[in-house]
């Protein structure tokens, strides 16, 4: 079994349209931005947060929306700048729909 890696040599994505993500992937991105997720069996989780499964984390990593970082020897999932931009666009669209 190979280790899951979020590190790649290709250019980071400039912007990802939130419409490209499923509702589950968008929710997982919001959870990553809200909580400090650590690696657990079958995915990533923080105490009191829902589990983000490995396939979801891999998809977000492939889109360069999240990266894996080590803090004090423990792996953590962290939202990138492109991920924060994607969340901001999704929030604006949600607010715009609520007003109209």
PDB file of N, CA and C in Angstrom:
ATOM      1  N   UNK A   1       0.845  -1.177   0.000  1.00  0.00           N
ATOM      2  CA  UNK A   1       0.000   0.000   0.000  1.00  0.00           C
ATOM      3  C   UNK A   1       0.889   1.238   0.000  1.00  0.00           C
ATOM      4  N   UNK A   2       0.581   2.183  -0.857  1.00  0.00           N
ATOM      5  CA  UNK A   2       1.378   3.400  -0.921  1.00  0.00           C
ATOM      6  C   UNK A   2       0.767   4.470  -0.039  1.00  0.00           C
ATOM      7  N   UNK A   3       1.597   5.347   0.442  1.00  0.00           N
ATOM      8  CA  UNK A   3       1.127   6.441   1.298  1.00  0.00           C
ATOM      9  C   UNK A   3       0.453   7.503   0.441  1.00  0.00           C
ATOM     10  N   UNK A   4      -0.584   8.099   0.980  1.00  0.00           N
ATOM     11  CA  UNK A   4      -1.282   9.154   0.271  1.00  0.00           C
ATOM     12  C   UNK A   4      -0.449  10.424   0.346  1.00  0.00           C
ATOM     13  N   UNK A   5      -0.241  11.065  -0.785  1.00  0.00           N
ATOM     14  CA  UNK A   5       0.570  12.269  -0.822  1.00  0.00           C
ATOM     15  C   UNK A   5      -0.216  13.385  -1.486  1.00  0.00           C
ATOM     16  N   UNK A   6      -0.163  14.558  -0.875  1.00  0.00           N
ATOM     17  CA  UNK A   6      -0.796  15.729  -1.462  1.00  0.00           C
ATOM     18  C   UNK A   6       0.233  16.627  -2.135  1.00  0.00           C
ATOM     19  N   UNK A   7       1.476  16.185  -2.197  1.00  0.00           N
ATOM     20  CA  UNK A   7       2.547  16.979  -2.772  1.00  0.00           C
ATOM     21  C   UNK A   7       2.668  16.610  -4.244  1.00  0.00           C
ATOM     22  N   UNK A   8       2.666  17.606  -5.100  1.00  0.00           N
ATOM     23  CA  UNK A   8       2.866  17.340  -6.517  1.00  0.00           C
ATOM     24  C   UNK A   8       3.774  18.413  -7.094  1.00  0.00           C
ATOM     25  N   UNK A   9       4.350  18.109  -8.227  1.00  0.00           N
ATOM     26  CA  UNK A   9       5.294  19.020  -8.864  1.00  0.00           C
ATOM     27  C   UNK A   9       4.611  19.968  -9.845  1.00  0.00           C
ATOM     28  N   UNK A  10       3.327  19.796 -10.061  1.00  0.00           N
ATOM     29  CA  UNK A  10       2.660  20.635 -11.053  1.00  0.00           C
ATOM     30  C   UNK A  10       2.262  21.979 -10.453  1.00  0.00           C
ATOM     31  N   UNK A  11       1.889  22.893 -11.331  1.00  0.00           N
ATOM     32  CA  UNK A  11       1.495  24.240 -10.919  1.00  0.00           C
ATOM     33  C   UNK A  11       0.218  24.191 -10.087  1.00  0.00           C
ATOM     34  N   UNK A  12       0.117  25.023  -9.054  1.00  0.00           N
ATOM     35  CA  UNK A  12      -1.129  25.068  -8.288  1.00  0.00           C
ATOM     36  C   UNK A  12      -2.255  25.677  -9.119  1.00  0.00           C
ATOM     37  N   UNK A  13      -3.453  25.234  -8.872  1.00  0.00           N
ATOM     38  CA  UNK A  13      -4.611  25.751  -9.592  1.00  0.00           C
ATOM     39  C   UNK A  13      -4.830  27.208  -9.222  1.00  0.00           C
ATOM     40  N   UNK A  14      -5.169  28.032 -10.198  1.00  0.00           N
ATOM     41  CA  UNK A  14      -5.414  29.438  -9.923  1.00  0.00           C
ATOM     42  C   UNK A  14      -6.744  29.633  -9.223  1.00  0.00           C
ATOM     43  N   UNK A  15      -7.779  29.031  -9.747  1.00  0.00           N
ATOM     44  CA  UNK A  15      -9.111  29.170  -9.174  1.00  0.00           C
ATOM     45  C   UNK A  15      -9.938  27.953  -9.567  1.00  0.00           C
ATOM     46  N   UNK A  16     -10.738  27.476  -8.641  1.00  0.00           N
ATOM     47  CA  UNK A  16     -11.647  26.365  -8.904  1.00  0.00           C
ATOM     48  C   UNK A  16     -13.062  26.883  -8.712  1.00  0.00           C
ATOM     49  N   UNK A  17     -13.902  26.667  -9.702  1.00  0.00           N
ATOM     50  CA  UNK A  17     -15.299  27.088  -9.604  1.00  0.00           C
ATOM     51  C   UNK A  17     -16.025  26.161  -8.637  1.00  0.00           C
ATOM     52  N   UNK A  18     -16.745  26.709  -7.657  1.00  0.00           N
ATOM     53  CA  UNK A  18     -17.463  25.854  -6.708  1.00  0.00           C
ATOM     54  C   UNK A  18     -18.471  24.917  -7.374  1.00  0.00           C
ATOM     55  N   UNK A  19     -18.930  25.255  -8.575  1.00  0.00           N
ATOM     56  CA  UNK A  19     -19.874  24.382  -9.282  1.00  0.00           C
ATOM     57  C   UNK A  19     -19.208  23.087  -9.734  1.00  0.00           C
ATOM     58  N   UNK A  20     -17.864  23.058  -9.772  1.00  0.00           N
ATOM     59  CA  UNK A  20     -17.145  21.834 -10.136  1.00  0.00           C
ATOM     60  C   UNK A  20     -17.134  20.828  -8.994  1.00  0.00           C
ATOM     61  N   UNK A  21     -17.430  21.283  -7.784  1.00  0.00           N
ATOM     62  CA  UNK A  21     -17.397  20.417  -6.607  1.00  0.00           C
ATOM     63  C   UNK A  21     -18.791  19.901  -6.287  1.00  0.00           C
ATOM     64  N   UNK A  22     -18.846  18.695  -5.758  1.00  0.00           N
ATOM     65  CA  UNK A  22     -20.124  18.183  -5.269  1.00  0.00           C
ATOM     66  C   UNK A  22     -20.439  18.882  -3.952  1.00  0.00           C
ATOM     67  N   UNK A  23     -21.673  18.747  -3.498  1.00  0.00           N
ATOM     68  CA  UNK A  23     -22.042  19.380  -2.227  1.00  0.00           C
ATOM     69  C   UNK A  23     -21.236  18.788  -1.074  1.00  0.00           C
ATOM     70  N   UNK A  24     -20.934  17.494  -1.138  1.00  0.00           N
ATOM     71  CA  UNK A  24     -20.126  16.855  -0.102  1.00  0.00           C
ATOM     72  C   UNK A  24     -18.694  17.371  -0.084  1.00  0.00           C
ATOM     73  N   UNK A  25     -18.127  17.588  -1.273  1.00  0.00           N
ATOM     74  CA  UNK A  25     -16.764  18.109  -1.349  1.00  0.00           C
ATOM     75  C   UNK A  25     -16.698  19.547  -0.848  1.00  0.00           C
ATOM     76  N   UNK A  26     -17.713  20.341  -1.177  1.00  0.00           N
ATOM     77  CA  UNK A  26     -17.759  21.723  -0.704  1.00  0.00           C
ATOM     78  C   UNK A  26     -17.910  21.768   0.812  1.00  0.00           C
ATOM     79  N   UNK A  27     -18.747  20.888   1.349  1.00  0.00           N
ATOM     80  CA  UNK A  27     -18.918  20.810   2.803  1.00  0.00           C
ATOM     81  C   UNK A  27     -17.614  20.360   3.467  1.00  0.00           C
ATOM     82  N   UNK A  28     -16.909  19.415   2.856  1.00  0.00           N
ATOM     83  CA  UNK A  28     -15.627  18.960   3.399  1.00  0.00           C
ATOM     84  C   UNK A  28     -14.601  20.092   3.396  1.00  0.00           C
ATOM     85  N   UNK A  29     -14.619  20.916   2.363  1.00  0.00           N
ATOM     86  CA  UNK A  29     -13.708  22.057   2.297  1.00  0.00           C
ATOM     87  C   UNK A  29     -14.026  23.063   3.405  1.00  0.00           C
ATOM     88  N   UNK A  30     -15.317  23.277   3.669  1.00  0.00           N
ATOM     89  CA  UNK A  30     -15.721  24.169   4.764  1.00  0.00           C
ATOM     90  C   UNK A  30     -15.271  23.612   6.112  1.00  0.00           C
ATOM     91  N   UNK A  31     -15.379  22.303   6.288  1.00  0.00           N
ATOM     92  CA  UNK A  31     -14.945  21.663   7.538  1.00  0.00           C
ATOM     93  C   UNK A  31     -13.433  21.816   7.704  1.00  0.00           C
ATOM     94  N   UNK A  32     -12.683  21.657   6.608  1.00  0.00           N
ATOM     95  CA  UNK A  32     -11.224  21.825   6.670  1.00  0.00           C
ATOM     96  C   UNK A  32     -10.851  23.242   7.084  1.00  0.00           C
ATOM     97  N   UNK A  33     -11.615  24.217   6.609  1.00  0.00           N
ATOM     98  CA  UNK A  33     -11.324  25.608   6.952  1.00  0.00           C
ATOM     99  C   UNK A  33     -11.702  25.922   8.393  1.00  0.00           C
ATOM    100  N   UNK A  34     -12.686  25.208   8.940  1.00  0.00           N
ATOM    101  CA  UNK A  34     -13.193  25.498  10.283  1.00  0.00           C
ATOM    102  C   UNK A  34     -12.407  24.782  11.370  1.00  0.00           C
ATOM    103  N   UNK A  35     -12.048  23.528  11.139  1.00  0.00           N
ATOM    104  CA  UNK A  35     -11.422  22.692  12.169  1.00  0.00           C
ATOM    105  C   UNK A  35      -9.966  22.392  11.838  1.00  0.00           C
ATOM    106  N   UNK A  36      -9.200  22.018  12.846  1.00  0.00           N
ATOM    107  CA  UNK A  36      -7.841  21.501  12.656  1.00  0.00           C
ATOM    108  C   UNK A  36      -7.947  19.985  12.538  1.00  0.00           C
ATOM    109  N   UNK A  37      -7.919  19.501  11.335  1.00  0.00           N
ATOM    110  CA  UNK A  37      -8.133  18.079  11.089  1.00  0.00           C
ATOM    111  C   UNK A  37      -6.840  17.292  11.228  1.00  0.00           C
ATOM    112  N   UNK A  38      -6.926  16.153  11.901  1.00  0.00           N
ATOM    113  CA  UNK A  38      -5.801  15.234  12.013  1.00  0.00           C
ATOM    114  C   UNK A  38      -6.186  13.908  11.377  1.00  0.00           C
ATOM    115  N   UNK A  39      -5.181  13.126  11.043  1.00  0.00           N
ATOM    116  CA  UNK A  39      -5.398  11.844  10.367  1.00  0.00           C
ATOM    117  C   UNK A  39      -5.941  10.816  11.348  1.00  0.00           C
ATOM    118  N   UNK A  40      -7.041  10.177  10.966  1.00  0.00           N
ATOM    119  CA  UNK A  40      -7.632   9.082  11.732  1.00  0.00           C
ATOM    120  C   UNK A  40      -7.896   7.937  10.764  1.00  0.00           C
ATOM    121  N   UNK A  41      -8.372   6.814  11.285  1.00  0.00           N
ATOM    122  CA  UNK A  41      -8.673   5.666  10.443  1.00  0.00           C
ATOM    123  C   UNK A  41      -9.752   6.048   9.428  1.00  0.00           C
ATOM    124  N   UNK A  42      -9.508   5.762   8.173  1.00  0.00           N
ATOM    125  CA  UNK A  42     -10.425   5.996   7.051  1.00  0.00           C
ATOM    126  C   UNK A  42     -10.577   7.458   6.660  1.00  0.00           C
ATOM    127  N   UNK A  43      -9.770   8.380   7.182  1.00  0.00           N
ATOM    128  CA  UNK A  43      -9.904   9.764   6.749  1.00  0.00           C
ATOM    129  C   UNK A  43      -9.256  10.774   7.673  1.00  0.00           C
ATOM    130  N   UNK A  44      -9.904  11.937   7.758  1.00  0.00           N
ATOM    131  CA  UNK A  44      -9.427  13.067   8.550  1.00  0.00           C
ATOM    132  C   UNK A  44     -10.572  13.548   9.427  1.00  0.00           C
ATOM    133  N   UNK A  45     -10.235  13.944  10.667  1.00  0.00           N
ATOM    134  CA  UNK A  45     -11.288  14.376  11.584  1.00  0.00           C
ATOM    135  C   UNK A  45     -10.685  15.233  12.694  1.00  0.00           C
ATOM    136  N   UNK A  46     -11.508  16.135  13.221  1.00  0.00           N
ATOM    137  CA  UNK A  46     -11.203  16.874  14.447  1.00  0.00           C
ATOM    138  C   UNK A  46     -12.258  16.462  15.464  1.00  0.00           C
ATOM    139  N   UNK A  47     -11.951  16.576  16.751  1.00  0.00           N
ATOM    140  CA  UNK A  47     -12.977  16.237  17.749  1.00  0.00           C
ATOM    141  C   UNK A  47     -14.236  17.072  17.529  1.00  0.00           C
ATOM    142  N   UNK A  48     -15.359  16.398  17.406  1.00  0.00           N
ATOM    143  CA  UNK A  48     -16.634  17.080  17.202  1.00  0.00           C
ATOM    144  C   UNK A  48     -16.959  17.410  15.761  1.00  0.00           C
ATOM    145  N   UNK A  49     -16.114  17.013  14.833  1.00  0.00           N
ATOM    146  CA  UNK A  49     -16.386  17.295  13.421  1.00  0.00           C
ATOM    147  C   UNK A  49     -16.701  16.000  12.683  1.00  0.00           C
ATOM    148  N   UNK A  50     -17.391  16.107  11.548  1.00  0.00           N
ATOM    149  CA  UNK A  50     -17.640  14.910  10.734  1.00  0.00           C
ATOM    150  C   UNK A  50     -16.344  14.399  10.103  1.00  0.00           C
ATOM    151  N   UNK A  51     -16.340  13.136   9.737  1.00  0.00           N
ATOM    152  CA  UNK A  51     -15.190  12.515   9.087  1.00  0.00           C
ATOM    153  C   UNK A  51     -15.122  12.961   7.630  1.00  0.00           C
ATOM    154  N   UNK A  52     -13.933  13.329   7.192  1.00  0.00           N
ATOM    155  CA  UNK A  52     -13.682  13.578   5.772  1.00  0.00           C
ATOM    156  C   UNK A  52     -12.960  12.341   5.259  1.00  0.00           C
ATOM    157  N   UNK A  53     -13.593  11.630   4.345  1.00  0.00           N
ATOM    158  CA  UNK A  53     -13.043  10.364   3.870  1.00  0.00           C
ATOM    159  C   UNK A  53     -11.796  10.596   3.017  1.00  0.00           C
ATOM    160  N   UNK A  54     -10.998   9.545   2.880  1.00  0.00           N
ATOM    161  CA  UNK A  54      -9.772   9.649   2.091  1.00  0.00           C
ATOM    162  C   UNK A  54     -10.035  10.007   0.626  1.00  0.00           C
ATOM    163  N   UNK A  55     -11.029   9.393  -0.045  1.00  0.00           N
ATOM    164  CA  UNK A  55     -11.270   9.788  -1.438  1.00  0.00           C
ATOM    165  C   UNK A  55     -11.638  11.268  -1.584  1.00  0.00           C
ATOM    166  N   UNK A  56     -12.411  11.797  -0.639  1.00  0.00           N
ATOM    167  CA  UNK A  56     -12.771  13.213  -0.691  1.00  0.00           C
ATOM    168  C   UNK A  56     -11.536  14.078  -0.488  1.00  0.00           C
ATOM    169  N   UNK A  57     -10.702  13.724   0.477  1.00  0.00           N
ATOM    170  CA  UNK A  57      -9.477  14.483   0.731  1.00  0.00           C
ATOM    171  C   UNK A  57      -8.532  14.412  -0.466  1.00  0.00           C
ATOM    172  N   UNK A  58      -8.459  13.249  -1.109  1.00  0.00           N
ATOM    173  CA  UNK A  58      -7.602  13.104  -2.285  1.00  0.00           C
ATOM    174  C   UNK A  58      -8.105  13.967  -3.436  1.00  0.00           C
ATOM    175  N   UNK A  59      -9.408  14.021  -3.627  1.00  0.00           N
ATOM    176  CA  UNK A  59      -9.977  14.845  -4.699  1.00  0.00           C
ATOM    177  C   UNK A  59      -9.699  16.325  -4.452  1.00  0.00           C
ATOM    178  N   UNK A  60      -9.893  16.774  -3.204  1.00  0.00           N
ATOM    179  CA  UNK A  60      -9.607  18.171  -2.872  1.00  0.00           C
ATOM    180  C   UNK A  60      -8.114  18.458  -3.011  1.00  0.00           C
ATOM    181  N   UNK A  61      -7.285  17.484  -2.679  1.00  0.00           N
ATOM    182  CA  UNK A  61      -5.843  17.642  -2.847  1.00  0.00           C
ATOM    183  C   UNK A  61      -5.444  17.704  -4.313  1.00  0.00           C
ATOM    184  N   UNK A  62      -6.100  16.910  -5.153  1.00  0.00           N
ATOM    185  CA  UNK A  62      -5.807  16.921  -6.588  1.00  0.00           C
ATOM    186  C   UNK A  62      -6.175  18.262  -7.211  1.00  0.00           C
ATOM    187  N   UNK A  63      -7.212  18.895  -6.690  1.00  0.00           N
ATOM    188  CA  UNK A  63      -7.612  20.219  -7.173  1.00  0.00           C
ATOM    189  C   UNK A  63      -6.789  21.330  -6.524  1.00  0.00           C
ATOM    190  N   UNK A  64      -5.877  20.961  -5.633  1.00  0.00           N
ATOM    191  CA  UNK A  64      -4.999  21.889  -4.917  1.00  0.00           C
ATOM    192  C   UNK A  64      -5.778  22.836  -4.001  1.00  0.00           C
ATOM    193  N   UNK A  65      -6.885  22.337  -3.439  1.00  0.00           N
ATOM    194  CA  UNK A  65      -7.679  23.126  -2.500  1.00  0.00           C
ATOM    195  C   UNK A  65      -7.234  22.887  -1.063  1.00  0.00           C
ATOM    196  N   UNK A  66      -6.649  21.729  -0.789  1.00  0.00           N
ATOM    197  CA  UNK A  66      -6.109  21.416   0.539  1.00  0.00           C
ATOM    198  C   UNK A  66      -4.712  20.822   0.372  1.00  0.00           C
ATOM    199  N   UNK A  67      -3.914  20.964   1.420  1.00  0.00           N
ATOM    200  CA  UNK A  67      -2.594  20.341   1.446  1.00  0.00           C
ATOM    201  C   UNK A  67      -2.405  19.668   2.791  1.00  0.00           C
ATOM    202  N   UNK A  68      -1.497  18.737   2.821  1.00  0.00           N
ATOM    203  CA  UNK A  68      -1.154  18.054   4.073  1.00  0.00           C
ATOM    204  C   UNK A  68       0.108  18.703   4.624  1.00  0.00           C
ATOM    205  N   UNK A  69       0.041  19.111   5.874  1.00  0.00           N
ATOM    206  CA  UNK A  69       1.200  19.700   6.547  1.00  0.00           C
ATOM    207  C   UNK A  69       1.453  18.957   7.836  1.00  0.00           C
ATOM    208  N   UNK A  70       2.700  18.904   8.261  1.00  0.00           N
ATOM    209  CA  UNK A  70       3.051  18.279   9.531  1.00  0.00           C
ATOM    210  C   UNK A  70       3.288  19.361  10.578  1.00  0.00           C
ATOM    211  N   UNK A  71       2.541  19.289  11.680  1.00  0.00           N
ATOM    212  CA  UNK A  71       2.721  20.177  12.820  1.00  0.00           C
ATOM    213  C   UNK A  71       3.141  19.333  14.008  1.00  0.00           C
ATOM    214  N   UNK A  72       4.331  19.595  14.538  1.00  0.00           N
ATOM    215  CA  UNK A  72       4.862  18.836  15.668  1.00  0.00           C
ATOM    216  C   UNK A  72       4.828  17.332  15.411  1.00  0.00           C
ATOM    217  N   UNK A  73       5.127  16.943  14.199  1.00  0.00           N
ATOM    218  CA  UNK A  73       5.183  15.530  13.855  1.00  0.00           C
ATOM    219  C   UNK A  73       3.846  14.884  13.549  1.00  0.00           C
ATOM    220  N   UNK A  74       2.752  15.651  13.606  1.00  0.00           N
ATOM    221  CA  UNK A  74       1.426  15.096  13.314  1.00  0.00           C
ATOM    222  C   UNK A  74       0.899  15.689  12.009  1.00  0.00           C
ATOM    223  N   UNK A  75       0.382  14.839  11.126  1.00  0.00           N
ATOM    224  CA  UNK A  75      -0.152  15.355   9.865  1.00  0.00           C
ATOM    225  C   UNK A  75      -1.468  16.098  10.078  1.00  0.00           C
ATOM    226  N   UNK A  76      -1.613  17.201   9.377  1.00  0.00           N
ATOM    227  CA  UNK A  76      -2.851  17.982   9.414  1.00  0.00           C
ATOM    228  C   UNK A  76      -3.256  18.341   7.996  1.00  0.00           C
ATOM    229  N   UNK A  77      -4.550  18.517   7.805  1.00  0.00           N
ATOM    230  CA  UNK A  77      -5.084  18.936   6.519  1.00  0.00           C
ATOM    231  C   UNK A  77      -5.355  20.431   6.599  1.00  0.00           C
ATOM    232  N   UNK A  78      -4.866  21.190   5.620  1.00  0.00           N
ATOM    233  CA  UNK A  78      -4.957  22.642   5.653  1.00  0.00           C
ATOM    234  C   UNK A  78      -5.486  23.156   4.317  1.00  0.00           C
ATOM    235  N   UNK A  79      -6.348  24.163   4.364  1.00  0.00           N
ATOM    236  CA  UNK A  79      -6.919  24.754   3.154  1.00  0.00           C
ATOM    237  C   UNK A  79      -5.898  25.711   2.542  1.00  0.00           C
ATOM    238  N   UNK A  80      -5.738  25.654   1.229  1.00  0.00           N
ATOM    239  CA  UNK A  80      -4.814  26.545   0.522  1.00  0.00           C
ATOM    240  C   UNK A  80      -5.515  27.857   0.188  1.00  0.00           C
ATOM    241  N   UNK A  81      -4.774  28.770  -0.401  1.00  0.00           N
ATOM    242  CA  UNK A  81      -5.350  30.044  -0.831  1.00  0.00           C
ATOM    243  C   UNK A  81      -6.439  29.841  -1.879  1.00  0.00           C
ATOM    244  N   UNK A  82      -6.210  28.922  -2.814  1.00  0.00           N
ATOM    245  CA  UNK A  82      -7.227  28.630  -3.830  1.00  0.00           C
ATOM    246  C   UNK A  82      -8.482  28.055  -3.179  1.00  0.00           C
ATOM    247  N   UNK A  83      -8.300  27.261  -2.128  1.00  0.00           N
ATOM    248  CA  UNK A  83      -9.445  26.708  -1.401  1.00  0.00           C
ATOM    249  C   UNK A  83     -10.244  27.789  -0.702  1.00  0.00           C
ATOM    250  N   UNK A  84      -9.542  28.752  -0.102  1.00  0.00           N
ATOM    251  CA  UNK A  84     -10.234  29.868   0.563  1.00  0.00           C
ATOM    252  C   UNK A  84     -10.985  30.727  -0.453  1.00  0.00           C
ATOM    253  N   UNK A  85     -10.380  30.941  -1.628  1.00  0.00           N
ATOM    254  CA  UNK A  85     -11.065  31.693  -2.683  1.00  0.00           C
ATOM    255  C   UNK A  85     -12.322  30.964  -3.142  1.00  0.00           C
ATOM    256  N   UNK A  86     -12.233  29.658  -3.289  1.00  0.00           N
ATOM    257  CA  UNK A  86     -13.388  28.856  -3.700  1.00  0.00           C
ATOM    258  C   UNK A  86     -14.508  28.962  -2.676  1.00  0.00           C
ATOM    259  N   UNK A  87     -14.166  28.903  -1.387  1.00  0.00           N
ATOM    260  CA  UNK A  87     -15.173  29.051  -0.332  1.00  0.00           C
ATOM    261  C   UNK A  87     -15.799  30.440  -0.353  1.00  0.00           C
ATOM    262  N   UNK A  88     -14.990  31.463  -0.613  1.00  0.00           N
ATOM    263  CA  UNK A  88     -15.511  32.832  -0.661  1.00  0.00           C
ATOM    264  C   UNK A  88     -16.499  32.995  -1.815  1.00  0.00           C
ATOM    265  N   UNK A  89     -16.167  32.439  -2.971  1.00  0.00           N
ATOM    266  CA  UNK A  89     -17.070  32.518  -4.128  1.00  0.00           C
ATOM    267  C   UNK A  89     -18.366  31.766  -3.840  1.00  0.00           C
ATOM    268  N   UNK A  90     -18.264  30.596  -3.233  1.00  0.00           N
ATOM    269  CA  UNK A  90     -19.459  29.813  -2.899  1.00  0.00           C
ATOM    270  C   UNK A  90     -20.335  30.575  -1.907  1.00  0.00           C
ATOM    271  N   UNK A  91     -19.726  31.237  -0.927  1.00  0.00           N
ATOM    272  CA  UNK A  91     -20.480  32.042   0.044  1.00  0.00           C
ATOM    273  C   UNK A  91     -21.206  33.197  -0.631  1.00  0.00           C
ATOM    274  N   UNK A  92     -20.510  33.897  -1.527  1.00  0.00           N
ATOM    275  CA  UNK A  92     -21.128  35.019  -2.236  1.00  0.00           C
ATOM    276  C   UNK A  92     -22.319  34.550  -3.063  1.00  0.00           C
ATOM    277  N   UNK A  93     -22.178  33.427  -3.735  1.00  0.00           N
ATOM    278  CA  UNK A  93     -23.283  32.910  -4.551  1.00  0.00           C
ATOM    279  C   UNK A  93     -24.457  32.484  -3.682  1.00  0.00           C
ATOM    280  N   UNK A  94     -24.155  31.890  -2.521  1.00  0.00           N
ATOM    281  CA  UNK A  94     -25.209  31.493  -1.586  1.00  0.00           C
ATOM    282  C   UNK A  94     -25.977  32.714  -1.080  1.00  0.00           C
ATOM    283  N   UNK A  95     -25.247  33.771  -0.735  1.00  0.00           N
ATOM    284  CA  UNK A  95     -25.881  34.996  -0.245  1.00  0.00           C
ATOM    285  C   UNK A  95     -26.697  35.667  -1.342  1.00  0.00           C
ATOM    286  N   UNK A  96     -26.178  35.650  -2.555  1.00  0.00           N
ATOM    287  CA  UNK A  96     -26.887  36.258  -3.676  1.00  0.00           C
ATOM    288  C   UNK A  96     -28.205  35.528  -3.943  1.00  0.00           C
ATOM    289  N   UNK A  97     -28.180  34.180  -3.837  1.00  0.00           N
ATOM    290  CA  UNK A  97     -29.414  33.405  -4.030  1.00  0.00           C
ATOM    291  C   UNK A  97     -30.414  33.681  -2.918  1.00  0.00           C
ATOM    292  N   UNK A  98     -29.925  33.893  -1.700  1.00  0.00           N
ATOM    293  CA  UNK A  98     -30.812  34.138  -0.560  1.00  0.00           C
ATOM    294  C   UNK A  98     -31.509  35.487  -0.684  1.00  0.00           C
ATOM    295  N   UNK A  99     -30.834  36.464  -1.275  1.00  0.00           N
ATOM    296  CA  UNK A  99     -31.405  37.808  -1.416  1.00  0.00           C
ATOM    297  C   UNK A  99     -32.434  37.841  -2.535  1.00  0.00           C
ATOM    298  N   UNK A 100     -32.155  37.150  -3.628  1.00  0.00           N
ATOM    299  CA  UNK A 100     -33.057  37.215  -4.799  1.00  0.00           C
ATOM    300  C   UNK A 100     -34.091  36.175  -4.722  1.00  0.00           C
TER     301      UNK A 100
END
